[in-house]
Amino acid sequence: MSKFQDQAAAYRVQRATPAPTTIVLQPHDFASDWAQRPKEPICCGLRVLSADAEDSAKEQARKKAIETDTDDVQAELEKQYLIFYCAMALCDPNDVERHCEPFDMASDQLPAALTSSALLRIYDTAERLKIETSPLFPEAANEDLDELAGELLGGALQDLEKVDSRKAARVRRYARFILDDLRT
């Protein structure tokens, strides 16, 4: 390396912004037939996506779902959104501007590289990070908590399960997350 390249590399390291959180991918999180499957755990950073980045993930997912020959377009759209969202959220743990090794073309590699449960874990971790850090998700006031308790006791969750089972499952996951925090 030239002296200039050394200085440029040092500058990049100096101004790098670490990822706000990390996720450790174990070897079993990778598809058994993926050629680059690691033998050791890999630490990846996760960044909070901007609203524009989320919109971009939705648009790319929509385009990819349309290209795919499937009878269940909605399921394909959800699958593609999960892939694009995770690809955009993954980053180097020490620098949010760099990709996470070994994913240099994440949206192309993730479906072949990772299991569906690993993708869901990445998405859930990124979503939790967004809620914990975003000013768009303010803390609940006491009145909000009272309303929540009333809604739950009034059967709102059971009603939601009849209409939208995925949303109900997400509410249950958040409820478990809240309970775990309260118990510790």
N, C-alpha and C. Protein backbone atom coordinates (compact mmCIF):
# COMPACT_ATOMS: atom_id res chain seq x y z
N MET A 1 0.83 -1.18 0.00
CA MET A 1 0.00 0.00 0.00
C MET A 1 0.88 1.25 0.00
N SER A 2 0.44 2.27 -0.72
CA SER A 2 1.16 3.53 -0.74
C SER A 2 0.86 4.31 0.54
N LYS A 3 1.67 5.33 0.77
CA LYS A 3 1.46 6.16 1.95
C LYS A 3 0.08 6.82 1.90
N PHE A 4 -0.33 7.28 0.71
CA PHE A 4 -1.65 7.89 0.55
C PHE A 4 -2.75 6.89 0.89
N GLN A 5 -2.64 5.65 0.42
CA GLN A 5 -3.66 4.64 0.72
C GLN A 5 -3.71 4.34 2.21
N ASP A 6 -2.54 4.32 2.86
CA ASP A 6 -2.50 4.12 4.31
C ASP A 6 -3.22 5.25 5.04
N GLN A 7 -2.97 6.49 4.59
CA GLN A 7 -3.61 7.65 5.22
C GLN A 7 -5.11 7.64 4.98
N ALA A 8 -5.52 7.28 3.76
CA ALA A 8 -6.95 7.21 3.45
C ALA A 8 -7.65 6.15 4.30
N ALA A 9 -7.01 5.00 4.46
CA ALA A 9 -7.58 3.93 5.28
C ALA A 9 -7.68 4.38 6.74
N ALA A 10 -6.66 5.05 7.24
CA ALA A 10 -6.67 5.54 8.62
C ALA A 10 -7.78 6.57 8.82
N TYR A 11 -7.99 7.43 7.83
CA TYR A 11 -9.04 8.44 7.91
C TYR A 11 -10.42 7.78 7.95
N ARG A 12 -10.63 6.76 7.11
CA ARG A 12 -11.91 6.06 7.10
C ARG A 12 -12.19 5.43 8.46
N VAL A 13 -11.19 4.82 9.07
CA VAL A 13 -11.35 4.20 10.38
C VAL A 13 -11.66 5.26 11.42
N GLN A 14 -10.97 6.40 11.31
CA GLN A 14 -11.13 7.47 12.28
C GLN A 14 -12.55 8.05 12.26
N ARG A 15 -13.14 8.19 11.09
CA ARG A 15 -14.47 8.79 11.00
C ARG A 15 -15.60 7.78 10.98
N ALA A 16 -15.31 6.51 11.09
CA ALA A 16 -16.33 5.46 11.04
C ALA A 16 -17.28 5.58 12.23
N THR A 17 -18.56 5.32 11.95
CA THR A 17 -19.58 5.31 12.99
C THR A 17 -19.93 3.85 13.27
N PRO A 18 -19.72 3.41 14.52
CA PRO A 18 -20.06 2.02 14.83
C PRO A 18 -21.57 1.77 14.72
N ALA A 19 -21.92 0.55 14.43
CA ALA A 19 -23.34 0.15 14.37
C ALA A 19 -23.95 0.31 15.76
N PRO A 20 -25.21 0.75 15.82
CA PRO A 20 -25.85 0.93 17.11
C PRO A 20 -26.08 -0.38 17.87
N THR A 21 -26.14 -1.48 17.15
CA THR A 21 -26.26 -2.79 17.80
C THR A 21 -25.68 -3.85 16.86
N THR A 22 -25.48 -5.01 17.41
CA THR A 22 -24.93 -6.11 16.62
C THR A 22 -25.79 -7.36 16.80
N ILE A 23 -25.59 -8.28 15.88
CA ILE A 23 -26.24 -9.58 15.96
C ILE A 23 -25.19 -10.61 15.59
N VAL A 24 -25.15 -11.69 16.32
CA VAL A 24 -24.19 -12.76 16.05
C VAL A 24 -24.90 -13.87 15.29
N LEU A 25 -24.40 -14.14 14.10
CA LEU A 25 -24.94 -15.22 13.28
C LEU A 25 -24.09 -16.46 13.49
N GLN A 26 -24.74 -17.51 13.94
CA GLN A 26 -24.06 -18.78 14.21
C GLN A 26 -23.96 -19.58 12.91
N PRO A 27 -23.06 -20.53 12.83
CA PRO A 27 -22.97 -21.37 11.62
C PRO A 27 -24.30 -22.01 11.24
N HIS A 28 -25.13 -22.39 12.23
CA HIS A 28 -26.42 -23.01 11.90
C HIS A 28 -27.44 -22.01 11.33
N ASP A 29 -27.13 -20.70 11.39
CA ASP A 29 -28.00 -19.70 10.78
C ASP A 29 -27.81 -19.65 9.26
N PHE A 30 -26.75 -20.27 8.78
CA PHE A 30 -26.44 -20.26 7.36
C PHE A 30 -26.94 -21.54 6.70
N ALA A 31 -27.34 -21.41 5.45
CA ALA A 31 -27.81 -22.57 4.69
C ALA A 31 -26.68 -23.58 4.57
N SER A 32 -27.01 -24.83 4.76
CA SER A 32 -25.98 -25.87 4.74
C SER A 32 -25.31 -26.02 3.38
N ASP A 33 -26.00 -25.60 2.32
CA ASP A 33 -25.42 -25.74 0.98
C ASP A 33 -24.79 -24.44 0.46
N TRP A 34 -24.68 -23.41 1.30
CA TRP A 34 -24.07 -22.17 0.87
C TRP A 34 -22.55 -22.33 0.86
N ALA A 35 -21.93 -22.05 -0.25
CA ALA A 35 -20.49 -22.30 -0.43
C ALA A 35 -19.63 -21.53 0.56
N GLN A 36 -20.05 -20.35 0.99
CA GLN A 36 -19.25 -19.53 1.90
C GLN A 36 -19.67 -19.70 3.37
N ARG A 37 -20.40 -20.76 3.66
CA ARG A 37 -20.89 -20.97 5.03
C ARG A 37 -19.71 -20.95 6.01
N PRO A 38 -19.79 -20.06 7.02
CA PRO A 38 -18.67 -19.96 7.97
C PRO A 38 -18.67 -21.12 8.97
N LYS A 39 -17.51 -21.39 9.48
CA LYS A 39 -17.37 -22.43 10.50
C LYS A 39 -17.46 -21.84 11.91
N GLU A 40 -17.29 -20.53 12.00
CA GLU A 40 -17.34 -19.81 13.27
C GLU A 40 -18.45 -18.76 13.23
N PRO A 41 -18.93 -18.32 14.39
CA PRO A 41 -19.94 -17.25 14.40
C PRO A 41 -19.42 -15.97 13.75
N ILE A 42 -20.33 -15.20 13.18
CA ILE A 42 -19.98 -13.93 12.56
C ILE A 42 -20.80 -12.83 13.25
N CYS A 43 -20.11 -11.77 13.64
CA CYS A 43 -20.78 -10.62 14.25
C CYS A 43 -21.07 -9.60 13.16
N CYS A 44 -22.33 -9.27 13.00
CA CYS A 44 -22.75 -8.26 12.02
C CYS A 44 -23.37 -7.09 12.77
N GLY A 45 -23.18 -5.90 12.24
CA GLY A 45 -23.83 -4.73 12.79
C GLY A 45 -25.22 -4.59 12.19
N LEU A 46 -26.06 -3.85 12.88
CA LEU A 46 -27.38 -3.50 12.37
C LEU A 46 -27.54 -1.99 12.49
N ARG A 47 -28.01 -1.38 11.42
CA ARG A 47 -28.26 0.05 11.43
C ARG A 47 -29.76 0.29 11.36
N VAL A 48 -30.17 1.44 11.83
CA VAL A 48 -31.58 1.85 11.74
C VAL A 48 -31.80 2.42 10.35
N LEU A 49 -32.77 1.88 9.65
CA LEU A 49 -33.07 2.36 8.31
C LEU A 49 -33.90 3.64 8.36
N SER A 50 -33.59 4.54 7.47
CA SER A 50 -34.39 5.75 7.34
C SER A 50 -35.72 5.37 6.70
N ALA A 51 -36.67 6.28 6.77
CA ALA A 51 -37.97 6.05 6.12
C ALA A 51 -37.78 5.86 4.61
N ASP A 52 -36.85 6.62 4.03
CA ASP A 52 -36.57 6.47 2.60
C ASP A 52 -36.00 5.09 2.28
N ALA A 53 -35.11 4.60 3.15
CA ALA A 53 -34.54 3.27 2.93
C ALA A 53 -35.61 2.19 3.05
N GLU A 54 -36.51 2.35 4.01
CA GLU A 54 -37.61 1.38 4.14
C GLU A 54 -38.51 1.41 2.91
N ASP A 55 -38.79 2.61 2.42
CA ASP A 55 -39.59 2.73 1.19
C ASP A 55 -38.88 2.07 0.01
N SER A 56 -37.58 2.25 -0.05
CA SER A 56 -36.80 1.63 -1.13
C SER A 56 -36.86 0.11 -1.03
N ALA A 57 -36.77 -0.41 0.19
CA ALA A 57 -36.87 -1.86 0.38
C ALA A 57 -38.24 -2.37 -0.07
N LYS A 58 -39.27 -1.61 0.23
CA LYS A 58 -40.63 -2.00 -0.20
C LYS A 58 -40.75 -1.99 -1.73
N GLU A 59 -40.19 -0.97 -2.34
CA GLU A 59 -40.28 -0.86 -3.80
C GLU A 59 -39.48 -1.98 -4.48
N GLN A 60 -38.28 -2.24 -3.99
CA GLN A 60 -37.48 -3.32 -4.56
C GLN A 60 -38.16 -4.67 -4.36
N ALA A 61 -38.76 -4.86 -3.20
CA ALA A 61 -39.49 -6.10 -2.92
C ALA A 61 -40.67 -6.25 -3.86
N ARG A 62 -41.38 -5.15 -4.11
CA ARG A 62 -42.52 -5.19 -5.02
C ARG A 62 -42.09 -5.59 -6.42
N LYS A 63 -41.01 -5.00 -6.89
CA LYS A 63 -40.51 -5.32 -8.24
C LYS A 63 -40.08 -6.79 -8.33
N LYS A 64 -39.38 -7.25 -7.31
CA LYS A 64 -38.91 -8.64 -7.31
C LYS A 64 -40.09 -9.61 -7.22
N ALA A 65 -41.09 -9.28 -6.42
CA ALA A 65 -42.26 -10.16 -6.28
C ALA A 65 -43.02 -10.25 -7.60
N ILE A 66 -43.10 -9.15 -8.33
CA ILE A 66 -43.79 -9.15 -9.63
C ILE A 66 -43.04 -10.04 -10.61
N GLU A 67 -41.70 -10.01 -10.56
CA GLU A 67 -40.88 -10.82 -11.47
C GLU A 67 -40.99 -12.31 -11.19
N THR A 68 -41.29 -12.65 -9.94
CA THR A 68 -41.35 -14.05 -9.53
C THR A 68 -42.66 -14.67 -9.98
N ASP A 69 -42.56 -15.84 -10.55
CA ASP A 69 -43.75 -16.56 -11.01
C ASP A 69 -44.31 -17.36 -9.84
N THR A 70 -45.32 -16.80 -9.17
CA THR A 70 -45.91 -17.46 -8.02
C THR A 70 -47.41 -17.18 -7.97
N ASP A 71 -48.13 -18.09 -7.35
CA ASP A 71 -49.57 -17.91 -7.19
C ASP A 71 -49.89 -17.00 -6.00
N ASP A 72 -49.01 -17.02 -4.99
CA ASP A 72 -49.24 -16.23 -3.78
C ASP A 72 -48.33 -14.99 -3.81
N VAL A 73 -48.79 -13.96 -4.49
CA VAL A 73 -48.00 -12.74 -4.66
C VAL A 73 -47.77 -12.06 -3.32
N GLN A 74 -48.76 -12.06 -2.45
CA GLN A 74 -48.62 -11.39 -1.14
C GLN A 74 -47.53 -12.06 -0.31
N ALA A 75 -47.50 -13.37 -0.27
CA ALA A 75 -46.46 -14.08 0.48
C ALA A 75 -45.09 -13.80 -0.11
N GLU A 76 -45.01 -13.75 -1.43
CA GLU A 76 -43.73 -13.45 -2.09
C GLU A 76 -43.29 -12.02 -1.80
N LEU A 77 -44.23 -11.11 -1.77
CA LEU A 77 -43.92 -9.72 -1.45
C LEU A 77 -43.36 -9.60 -0.04
N GLU A 78 -43.98 -10.28 0.90
CA GLU A 78 -43.51 -10.26 2.29
C GLU A 78 -42.12 -10.88 2.41
N LYS A 79 -41.90 -11.98 1.70
CA LYS A 79 -40.58 -12.64 1.71
C LYS A 79 -39.51 -11.70 1.14
N GLN A 80 -39.82 -11.08 0.01
CA GLN A 80 -38.85 -10.18 -0.62
C GLN A 80 -38.58 -8.94 0.23
N TYR A 81 -39.61 -8.42 0.89
CA TYR A 81 -39.41 -7.26 1.77
C TYR A 81 -38.48 -7.65 2.92
N LEU A 82 -38.69 -8.81 3.49
CA LEU A 82 -37.82 -9.28 4.57
C LEU A 82 -36.37 -9.33 4.10
N ILE A 83 -36.14 -9.85 2.92
CA ILE A 83 -34.78 -9.97 2.37
C ILE A 83 -34.17 -8.58 2.16
N PHE A 84 -34.89 -7.70 1.48
CA PHE A 84 -34.34 -6.37 1.19
C PHE A 84 -34.14 -5.55 2.46
N TYR A 85 -35.07 -5.65 3.39
CA TYR A 85 -34.94 -4.91 4.66
C TYR A 85 -33.69 -5.38 5.41
N CYS A 86 -33.54 -6.69 5.52
CA CYS A 86 -32.37 -7.24 6.23
C CYS A 86 -31.08 -6.87 5.51
N ALA A 87 -31.08 -6.94 4.19
CA ALA A 87 -29.89 -6.60 3.42
C ALA A 87 -29.47 -5.15 3.67
N MET A 88 -30.44 -4.27 3.77
CA MET A 88 -30.13 -2.86 3.99
C MET A 88 -29.76 -2.57 5.44
N ALA A 89 -30.26 -3.36 6.37
CA ALA A 89 -29.99 -3.13 7.79
C ALA A 89 -28.63 -3.70 8.22
N LEU A 90 -28.19 -4.77 7.58
CA LEU A 90 -26.90 -5.37 7.96
C LEU A 90 -25.75 -4.45 7.57
N CYS A 91 -24.77 -4.35 8.45
CA CYS A 91 -23.60 -3.53 8.17
C CYS A 91 -22.41 -4.07 8.97
N ASP A 92 -21.26 -3.49 8.72
CA ASP A 92 -20.06 -3.81 9.49
C ASP A 92 -20.30 -3.33 10.93
N PRO A 93 -19.95 -4.13 11.92
CA PRO A 93 -20.21 -3.70 13.31
C PRO A 93 -19.44 -2.43 13.70
N ASN A 94 -18.33 -2.16 13.00
CA ASN A 94 -17.51 -1.00 13.34
C ASN A 94 -17.75 0.21 12.44
N ASP A 95 -18.58 0.04 11.41
CA ASP A 95 -18.79 1.13 10.47
C ASP A 95 -20.11 0.94 9.73
N VAL A 96 -21.10 1.76 10.03
CA VAL A 96 -22.42 1.61 9.43
C VAL A 96 -22.43 1.86 7.92
N GLU A 97 -21.37 2.45 7.40
CA GLU A 97 -21.29 2.73 5.96
C GLU A 97 -20.74 1.55 5.16
N ARG A 98 -20.25 0.54 5.83
CA ARG A 98 -19.65 -0.60 5.13
C ARG A 98 -20.56 -1.82 5.24
N HIS A 99 -20.44 -2.70 4.27
CA HIS A 99 -21.25 -3.92 4.31
C HIS A 99 -20.67 -4.89 5.33
N CYS A 100 -21.49 -5.82 5.74
CA CYS A 100 -21.07 -6.84 6.70
C CYS A 100 -20.47 -8.02 5.95
N GLU A 101 -19.29 -8.41 6.34
CA GLU A 101 -18.68 -9.60 5.76
C GLU A 101 -19.49 -10.81 6.21
N PRO A 102 -19.76 -11.75 5.42
CA PRO A 102 -19.31 -11.99 4.05
C PRO A 102 -20.32 -11.55 2.99
N PHE A 103 -21.20 -10.60 3.34
CA PHE A 103 -22.28 -10.21 2.43
C PHE A 103 -21.91 -8.94 1.66
N ASP A 104 -21.26 -9.08 0.52
CA ASP A 104 -20.94 -7.90 -0.27
C ASP A 104 -22.09 -7.51 -1.19
N MET A 105 -22.94 -8.44 -1.54
CA MET A 105 -24.14 -8.16 -2.34
C MET A 105 -25.32 -8.76 -1.57
N ALA A 106 -25.62 -8.17 -0.43
CA ALA A 106 -26.51 -8.79 0.54
C ALA A 106 -27.88 -9.20 -0.02
N SER A 107 -28.53 -8.33 -0.77
CA SER A 107 -29.88 -8.70 -1.22
C SER A 107 -29.86 -9.89 -2.17
N ASP A 108 -28.76 -10.07 -2.89
CA ASP A 108 -28.62 -11.24 -3.75
C ASP A 108 -28.20 -12.48 -2.96
N GLN A 109 -27.39 -12.28 -1.94
CA GLN A 109 -26.83 -13.41 -1.19
C GLN A 109 -27.72 -13.93 -0.07
N LEU A 110 -28.43 -13.06 0.60
CA LEU A 110 -29.17 -13.47 1.80
C LEU A 110 -30.12 -14.64 1.59
N PRO A 111 -30.91 -14.67 0.53
CA PRO A 111 -31.84 -15.79 0.38
C PRO A 111 -31.12 -17.14 0.27
N ALA A 112 -29.94 -17.15 -0.33
CA ALA A 112 -29.19 -18.40 -0.48
C ALA A 112 -28.32 -18.67 0.75
N ALA A 113 -27.89 -17.61 1.42
CA ALA A 113 -26.93 -17.76 2.51
C ALA A 113 -27.56 -18.09 3.86
N LEU A 114 -28.70 -17.49 4.15
CA LEU A 114 -29.26 -17.61 5.49
C LEU A 114 -30.56 -18.41 5.50
N THR A 115 -30.81 -19.02 6.65
CA THR A 115 -32.07 -19.71 6.84
C THR A 115 -33.18 -18.68 7.05
N SER A 116 -34.40 -19.09 6.86
CA SER A 116 -35.51 -18.15 7.05
C SER A 116 -35.60 -17.71 8.51
N SER A 117 -35.27 -18.57 9.44
CA SER A 117 -35.32 -18.17 10.86
C SER A 117 -34.24 -17.14 11.17
N ALA A 118 -33.09 -17.22 10.52
CA ALA A 118 -32.03 -16.22 10.72
C ALA A 118 -32.48 -14.86 10.16
N LEU A 119 -33.12 -14.88 9.00
CA LEU A 119 -33.63 -13.63 8.43
C LEU A 119 -34.68 -13.00 9.35
N LEU A 120 -35.56 -13.81 9.89
CA LEU A 120 -36.58 -13.29 10.81
C LEU A 120 -35.94 -12.72 12.07
N ARG A 121 -34.89 -13.36 12.57
CA ARG A 121 -34.19 -12.86 13.77
C ARG A 121 -33.52 -11.53 13.48
N ILE A 122 -32.91 -11.40 12.30
CA ILE A 122 -32.29 -10.12 11.91
C ILE A 122 -33.36 -9.04 11.84
N TYR A 123 -34.46 -9.35 11.18
CA TYR A 123 -35.55 -8.37 11.03
C TYR A 123 -36.10 -7.96 12.40
N ASP A 124 -36.37 -8.93 13.25
CA ASP A 124 -36.92 -8.62 14.57
C ASP A 124 -35.95 -7.76 15.39
N THR A 125 -34.66 -8.08 15.31
CA THR A 125 -33.66 -7.30 16.05
C THR A 125 -33.59 -5.88 15.50
N ALA A 126 -33.63 -5.73 14.18
CA ALA A 126 -33.60 -4.39 13.57
C ALA A 126 -34.87 -3.61 13.92
N GLU A 127 -36.00 -4.27 13.92
CA GLU A 127 -37.26 -3.60 14.26
C GLU A 127 -37.26 -3.16 15.72
N ARG A 128 -36.74 -4.00 16.59
CA ARG A 128 -36.64 -3.65 18.01
C ARG A 128 -35.72 -2.45 18.20
N LEU A 129 -34.60 -2.43 17.47
CA LEU A 129 -33.67 -1.30 17.54
C LEU A 129 -34.37 -0.02 17.10
N LYS A 130 -35.14 -0.10 16.03
CA LYS A 130 -35.85 1.08 15.53
C LYS A 130 -36.81 1.62 16.59
N ILE A 131 -37.54 0.74 17.23
CA ILE A 131 -38.51 1.17 18.24
C ILE A 131 -37.80 1.76 19.46
N GLU A 132 -36.68 1.16 19.83
CA GLU A 132 -35.96 1.62 21.01
C GLU A 132 -35.28 2.97 20.81
N THR A 133 -34.95 3.31 19.56
CA THR A 133 -34.14 4.51 19.33
C THR A 133 -34.83 5.61 18.55
N SER A 134 -35.92 5.32 17.88
CA SER A 134 -36.52 6.30 16.99
C SER A 134 -37.40 7.29 17.75
N PRO A 135 -37.27 8.58 17.42
CA PRO A 135 -38.17 9.58 18.03
C PRO A 135 -39.60 9.43 17.52
N LEU A 136 -39.79 8.64 16.47
CA LEU A 136 -41.14 8.40 15.95
C LEU A 136 -41.93 7.44 16.83
N PHE A 137 -41.25 6.78 17.77
CA PHE A 137 -41.90 5.87 18.69
C PHE A 137 -41.70 6.37 20.11
N PRO A 138 -42.49 7.36 20.52
CA PRO A 138 -42.31 7.92 21.87
C PRO A 138 -42.74 6.92 22.94
N GLU A 139 -42.27 7.18 24.14
CA GLU A 139 -42.66 6.34 25.27
C GLU A 139 -44.16 6.50 25.54
N ALA A 140 -44.77 5.43 26.01
CA ALA A 140 -46.19 5.46 26.35
C ALA A 140 -46.38 6.22 27.66
N ALA A 141 -47.39 7.05 27.68
CA ALA A 141 -47.76 7.76 28.92
C ALA A 141 -48.60 6.80 29.77
N ASN A 142 -48.81 7.17 31.02
CA ASN A 142 -49.61 6.34 31.92
C ASN A 142 -51.01 6.10 31.36
N GLU A 143 -51.58 7.12 30.73
CA GLU A 143 -52.91 6.98 30.14
C GLU A 143 -52.89 5.93 29.01
N ASP A 144 -51.79 5.93 28.24
CA ASP A 144 -51.65 4.94 27.17
C ASP A 144 -51.61 3.53 27.74
N LEU A 145 -50.89 3.36 28.84
CA LEU A 145 -50.79 2.04 29.46
C LEU A 145 -52.14 1.60 30.02
N ASP A 146 -52.87 2.55 30.59
CA ASP A 146 -54.22 2.23 31.08
C ASP A 146 -55.12 1.80 29.92
N GLU A 147 -55.02 2.52 28.81
CA GLU A 147 -55.82 2.17 27.62
C GLU A 147 -55.44 0.79 27.10
N LEU A 148 -54.14 0.50 27.06
CA LEU A 148 -53.66 -0.81 26.61
C LEU A 148 -54.22 -1.93 27.48
N ALA A 149 -54.13 -1.75 28.79
CA ALA A 149 -54.67 -2.77 29.70
C ALA A 149 -56.16 -2.98 29.45
N GLY A 150 -56.90 -1.89 29.27
CA GLY A 150 -58.34 -2.01 29.00
C GLY A 150 -58.62 -2.73 27.69
N GLU A 151 -57.85 -2.40 26.65
CA GLU A 151 -58.02 -3.06 25.35
C GLU A 151 -57.76 -4.56 25.46
N LEU A 152 -56.67 -4.91 26.16
CA LEU A 152 -56.33 -6.34 26.29
C LEU A 152 -57.39 -7.08 27.10
N LEU A 153 -57.83 -6.48 28.20
CA LEU A 153 -58.87 -7.12 29.01
C LEU A 153 -60.20 -7.18 28.28
N GLY A 154 -60.43 -6.25 27.36
CA GLY A 154 -61.67 -6.22 26.60
C GLY A 154 -61.69 -7.16 25.40
N GLY A 155 -60.60 -7.87 25.17
CA GLY A 155 -60.58 -8.85 24.09
C GLY A 155 -60.07 -8.34 22.75
N ALA A 156 -59.39 -7.19 22.75
CA ALA A 156 -58.91 -6.61 21.48
C ALA A 156 -57.94 -7.53 20.76
N LEU A 157 -57.10 -8.23 21.51
CA LEU A 157 -56.12 -9.11 20.87
C LEU A 157 -56.81 -10.30 20.20
N GLN A 158 -57.81 -10.85 20.85
CA GLN A 158 -58.55 -11.96 20.25
C GLN A 158 -59.29 -11.50 18.99
N ASP A 159 -59.84 -10.28 19.03
CA ASP A 159 -60.50 -9.73 17.85
C ASP A 159 -59.49 -9.53 16.71
N LEU A 160 -58.32 -9.05 17.05
CA LEU A 160 -57.28 -8.82 16.05
C LEU A 160 -56.83 -10.14 15.42
N GLU A 161 -56.74 -11.19 16.21
CA GLU A 161 -56.33 -12.50 15.68
C GLU A 161 -57.29 -13.00 14.60
N LYS A 162 -58.56 -12.66 14.71
CA LYS A 162 -59.55 -13.07 13.72
C LYS A 162 -59.36 -12.33 12.40
N VAL A 163 -58.85 -11.10 12.47
CA VAL A 163 -58.72 -10.24 11.30
C VAL A 163 -57.33 -10.30 10.67
N ASP A 164 -56.29 -10.25 11.51
CA ASP A 164 -54.91 -10.18 11.02
C ASP A 164 -54.00 -10.96 11.96
N SER A 165 -53.80 -12.23 11.67
CA SER A 165 -53.03 -13.09 12.56
C SER A 165 -51.57 -12.67 12.66
N ARG A 166 -51.02 -12.11 11.59
CA ARG A 166 -49.62 -11.66 11.64
C ARG A 166 -49.45 -10.48 12.58
N LYS A 167 -50.37 -9.53 12.49
CA LYS A 167 -50.30 -8.36 13.37
C LYS A 167 -50.51 -8.81 14.83
N ALA A 168 -51.41 -9.74 15.04
CA ALA A 168 -51.65 -10.25 16.39
C ALA A 168 -50.40 -10.95 16.93
N ALA A 169 -49.72 -11.70 16.07
CA ALA A 169 -48.48 -12.37 16.49
C ALA A 169 -47.42 -11.34 16.87
N ARG A 170 -47.34 -10.24 16.09
CA ARG A 170 -46.38 -9.19 16.41
C ARG A 170 -46.71 -8.54 17.75
N VAL A 171 -47.98 -8.30 18.02
CA VAL A 171 -48.40 -7.73 19.30
C VAL A 171 -48.00 -8.67 20.43
N ARG A 172 -48.21 -9.96 20.23
CA ARG A 172 -47.83 -10.94 21.25
C ARG A 172 -46.32 -10.96 21.48
N ARG A 173 -45.54 -10.83 20.41
CA ARG A 173 -44.08 -10.79 20.57
C ARG A 173 -43.66 -9.56 21.37
N TYR A 174 -44.28 -8.42 21.04
CA TYR A 174 -43.95 -7.20 21.79
C TYR A 174 -44.38 -7.34 23.25
N ALA A 175 -45.53 -7.96 23.47
CA ALA A 175 -45.98 -8.16 24.85
C ALA A 175 -44.99 -9.03 25.62
N ARG A 176 -44.46 -10.08 24.96
CA ARG A 176 -43.45 -10.94 25.60
C ARG A 176 -42.19 -10.14 25.89
N PHE A 177 -41.78 -9.30 24.95
CA PHE A 177 -40.60 -8.45 25.13
C PHE A 177 -40.78 -7.53 26.33
N ILE A 178 -41.97 -6.93 26.45
CA ILE A 178 -42.25 -6.02 27.57
C ILE A 178 -42.23 -6.81 28.88
N LEU A 179 -42.89 -7.97 28.90
CA LEU A 179 -42.90 -8.78 30.12
C LEU A 179 -41.49 -9.19 30.55
N ASP A 180 -40.66 -9.58 29.59
CA ASP A 180 -39.29 -9.97 29.90
C ASP A 180 -38.53 -8.80 30.53
N ASP A 181 -38.72 -7.60 30.00
CA ASP A 181 -38.05 -6.43 30.57
C ASP A 181 -38.57 -6.14 31.98
N LEU A 182 -39.88 -6.29 32.19
CA LEU A 182 -40.46 -6.03 33.51
C LEU A 182 -40.01 -7.06 34.55
N ARG A 183 -39.78 -8.27 34.10
CA ARG A 183 -39.40 -9.36 35.02
C ARG A 183 -37.94 -9.28 35.46
N THR A 184 -37.11 -8.58 34.71
CA THR A 184 -35.68 -8.55 35.06
C THR A 184 -35.32 -7.33 35.85
